[in-house]
């Protein structure tokens, strides 16, 4: 089936199967930052934005995104690099496997929440798993990036 989408501000027509998930489609079309870690929608590695809202691409059928706008980390490189520096400065950048999905979630949070509390931040990040850090460095980086004291 052919669908029309906008990926990172570029109009594209994609050929997708009815049972194909967005993570697989994006990787097949060269968006290799989109990764799958669990295939159950539990880890957040596959997070992308659909119409500017974070979604788990491993749990979203590609046919459902017809006519929508998709953003991957390749589409927000400047913002992603800025936040990545906060992660590095807090010692929270370990293997980097979870980073694209985590960063996409943090950037969405910055756009959505105004002056979030620590509780709101941790709630927003609940679906992002990292097997390398103890999350404290990541939380420090997010708080500094968002200007939360």
Protein backbone atom coordinates (compact mmCIF):
# COMPACT_ATOMS: atom_id res chain seq x y z
CA UNK A 1 0.00 0.00 0.00
CA UNK A 2 1.24 3.50 -0.77
CA UNK A 3 1.03 6.19 1.90
CA UNK A 4 2.01 9.84 1.79
CA UNK A 5 3.79 11.35 4.76
CA UNK A 6 6.09 14.17 5.69
CA UNK A 7 9.26 12.90 7.35
CA UNK A 8 11.57 15.53 8.80
CA UNK A 9 9.90 18.20 6.63
CA UNK A 10 10.29 16.17 3.43
CA UNK A 11 7.25 14.92 1.49
CA UNK A 12 7.56 11.19 0.88
CA UNK A 13 5.52 8.40 -0.59
CA UNK A 14 6.19 5.08 1.11
CA UNK A 15 5.28 1.57 0.13
CA UNK A 16 4.19 -0.28 3.28
CA UNK A 17 2.58 -3.59 4.15
CA UNK A 18 -0.72 -3.55 6.05
CA UNK A 19 0.90 -5.22 9.06
CA UNK A 20 4.19 -3.27 9.03
CA UNK A 21 5.13 -1.18 12.02
CA UNK A 22 6.43 2.36 11.69
CA UNK A 23 9.81 1.53 13.25
CA UNK A 24 10.45 -1.06 10.54
CA UNK A 25 9.28 1.27 7.78
CA UNK A 26 11.46 4.13 8.96
CA UNK A 27 14.55 1.92 9.20
CA UNK A 28 13.86 0.49 5.74
CA UNK A 29 13.77 4.04 4.36
CA UNK A 30 17.10 4.92 5.99
CA UNK A 31 16.12 6.49 9.31
CA UNK A 32 18.50 4.30 11.30
CA UNK A 33 18.25 6.27 14.53
CA UNK A 34 14.89 4.58 15.08
CA UNK A 35 15.65 1.42 17.01
CA UNK A 36 13.66 -1.37 18.59
CA UNK A 37 14.63 -2.68 21.97
CA UNK A 38 11.62 -4.65 23.14
CA UNK A 39 8.94 -4.94 20.43
CA UNK A 40 6.33 -4.49 23.16
CA UNK A 41 6.16 -0.70 23.53
CA UNK A 42 7.89 -0.84 26.91
CA UNK A 43 11.33 0.69 26.40
CA UNK A 44 10.93 3.94 24.44
CA UNK A 45 13.89 3.33 22.11
CA UNK A 46 11.66 3.67 19.06
CA UNK A 47 10.13 7.04 20.03
CA UNK A 48 9.44 9.41 17.16
CA UNK A 49 6.98 12.26 16.83
CA UNK A 50 3.79 11.91 14.84
CA UNK A 51 2.20 15.31 14.34
CA UNK A 52 4.60 16.62 17.03
CA UNK A 53 3.53 14.11 19.70
CA UNK A 54 5.83 11.32 20.89
CA UNK A 55 4.72 7.84 19.84
CA UNK A 56 6.22 4.39 20.06
CA UNK A 57 6.93 3.50 16.45
CA UNK A 58 7.26 -0.22 17.24
CA UNK A 59 3.59 -0.24 18.24
CA UNK A 60 2.22 2.03 15.49
CA UNK A 61 1.12 0.55 12.20
CA UNK A 62 2.59 2.43 9.25
CA UNK A 63 -0.77 2.55 7.45
CA UNK A 64 -2.11 4.66 10.33
CA UNK A 65 0.35 7.49 9.63
CA UNK A 66 -0.91 8.23 6.13
CA UNK A 67 -1.09 12.00 5.71
CA UNK A 68 0.77 12.71 8.94
CA UNK A 69 4.02 14.45 9.83
CA UNK A 70 6.78 12.28 11.30
CA UNK A 71 9.88 13.61 13.02
CA UNK A 72 12.89 11.48 13.87
CA UNK A 73 16.01 12.62 15.67
CA UNK A 74 17.52 13.38 12.25
CA UNK A 75 14.88 16.10 11.94
CA UNK A 76 15.80 17.85 15.20
CA UNK A 77 19.58 17.55 15.11
CA UNK A 78 20.35 21.00 16.52
CA UNK A 79 18.08 20.54 19.55
CA UNK A 80 19.23 16.94 20.01
CA UNK A 81 22.89 17.95 20.00
CA UNK A 82 22.22 20.68 22.55
CA UNK A 83 20.53 18.26 24.95
CA UNK A 84 23.14 15.55 24.32
CA UNK A 85 25.76 17.93 25.70
CA UNK A 86 23.82 18.07 28.96
CA UNK A 87 23.81 14.27 29.09
CA UNK A 88 27.56 14.13 28.51
CA UNK A 89 28.25 16.80 31.14
CA UNK A 90 26.29 14.78 33.71
CA UNK A 91 27.99 11.48 32.82
CA UNK A 92 24.68 10.08 31.63
CA UNK A 93 25.72 9.17 28.09
CA UNK A 94 26.79 5.57 28.29
CA UNK A 95 26.41 3.22 25.31
CA UNK A 96 23.99 5.55 23.50
CA UNK A 97 21.60 2.85 22.30
CA UNK A 98 18.61 4.39 24.09
CA UNK A 99 19.62 7.98 23.37
CA UNK A 100 17.58 8.74 20.23
CA UNK A 101 14.27 7.70 21.80
CA UNK A 102 15.14 9.29 25.13
CA UNK A 103 16.16 12.56 23.49
CA UNK A 104 13.00 12.66 21.37
CA UNK A 105 10.94 12.25 24.55
CA UNK A 106 12.83 15.01 26.38
CA UNK A 107 12.50 17.41 23.45
CA UNK A 108 8.76 16.69 23.27
CA UNK A 109 8.49 17.31 27.01
CA UNK A 110 10.25 20.66 26.65
CA UNK A 111 7.73 21.69 24.01
CA UNK A 112 4.71 20.42 25.93
CA UNK A 113 5.32 21.21 29.60
CA UNK A 114 5.89 24.66 31.06
CA UNK A 115 8.06 24.73 34.20
CA UNK A 116 7.59 21.03 35.00
CA UNK A 117 8.11 19.67 38.48
CA UNK A 118 10.50 16.77 39.11
CA UNK A 119 7.45 14.53 39.50
CA UNK A 120 6.10 15.62 36.10
CA UNK A 121 9.50 15.02 34.50
CA UNK A 122 9.85 11.52 35.92
CA UNK A 123 6.27 10.70 34.94
CA UNK A 124 6.87 11.90 31.37
CA UNK A 125 10.02 9.77 31.12
CA UNK A 126 8.46 6.63 32.62
CA UNK A 127 8.43 4.70 29.34
CA UNK A 128 12.13 5.19 28.56
CA UNK A 129 14.44 2.43 29.71
CA UNK A 130 18.22 2.61 29.91
CA UNK A 131 20.26 -0.37 30.95
CA UNK A 132 23.55 1.51 31.41
CA UNK A 133 22.78 4.38 33.79
CA UNK A 134 21.15 4.67 37.17
CA UNK A 135 18.86 7.40 35.79
CA UNK A 136 20.16 10.02 38.24
CA UNK A 137 22.60 11.48 35.70
CA UNK A 138 19.86 11.55 33.09
CA UNK A 139 17.49 13.27 35.50
CA UNK A 140 20.15 15.87 36.40
CA UNK A 141 20.72 16.53 32.68
CA UNK A 142 17.00 16.90 31.98
CA UNK A 143 16.50 19.24 34.93
CA UNK A 144 19.41 21.45 33.86
CA UNK A 145 18.27 21.44 30.23
CA UNK A 146 14.73 22.46 31.26
CA UNK A 147 15.95 24.96 33.83
CA UNK A 148 14.33 23.13 36.74
CA UNK A 149 16.00 23.81 40.05
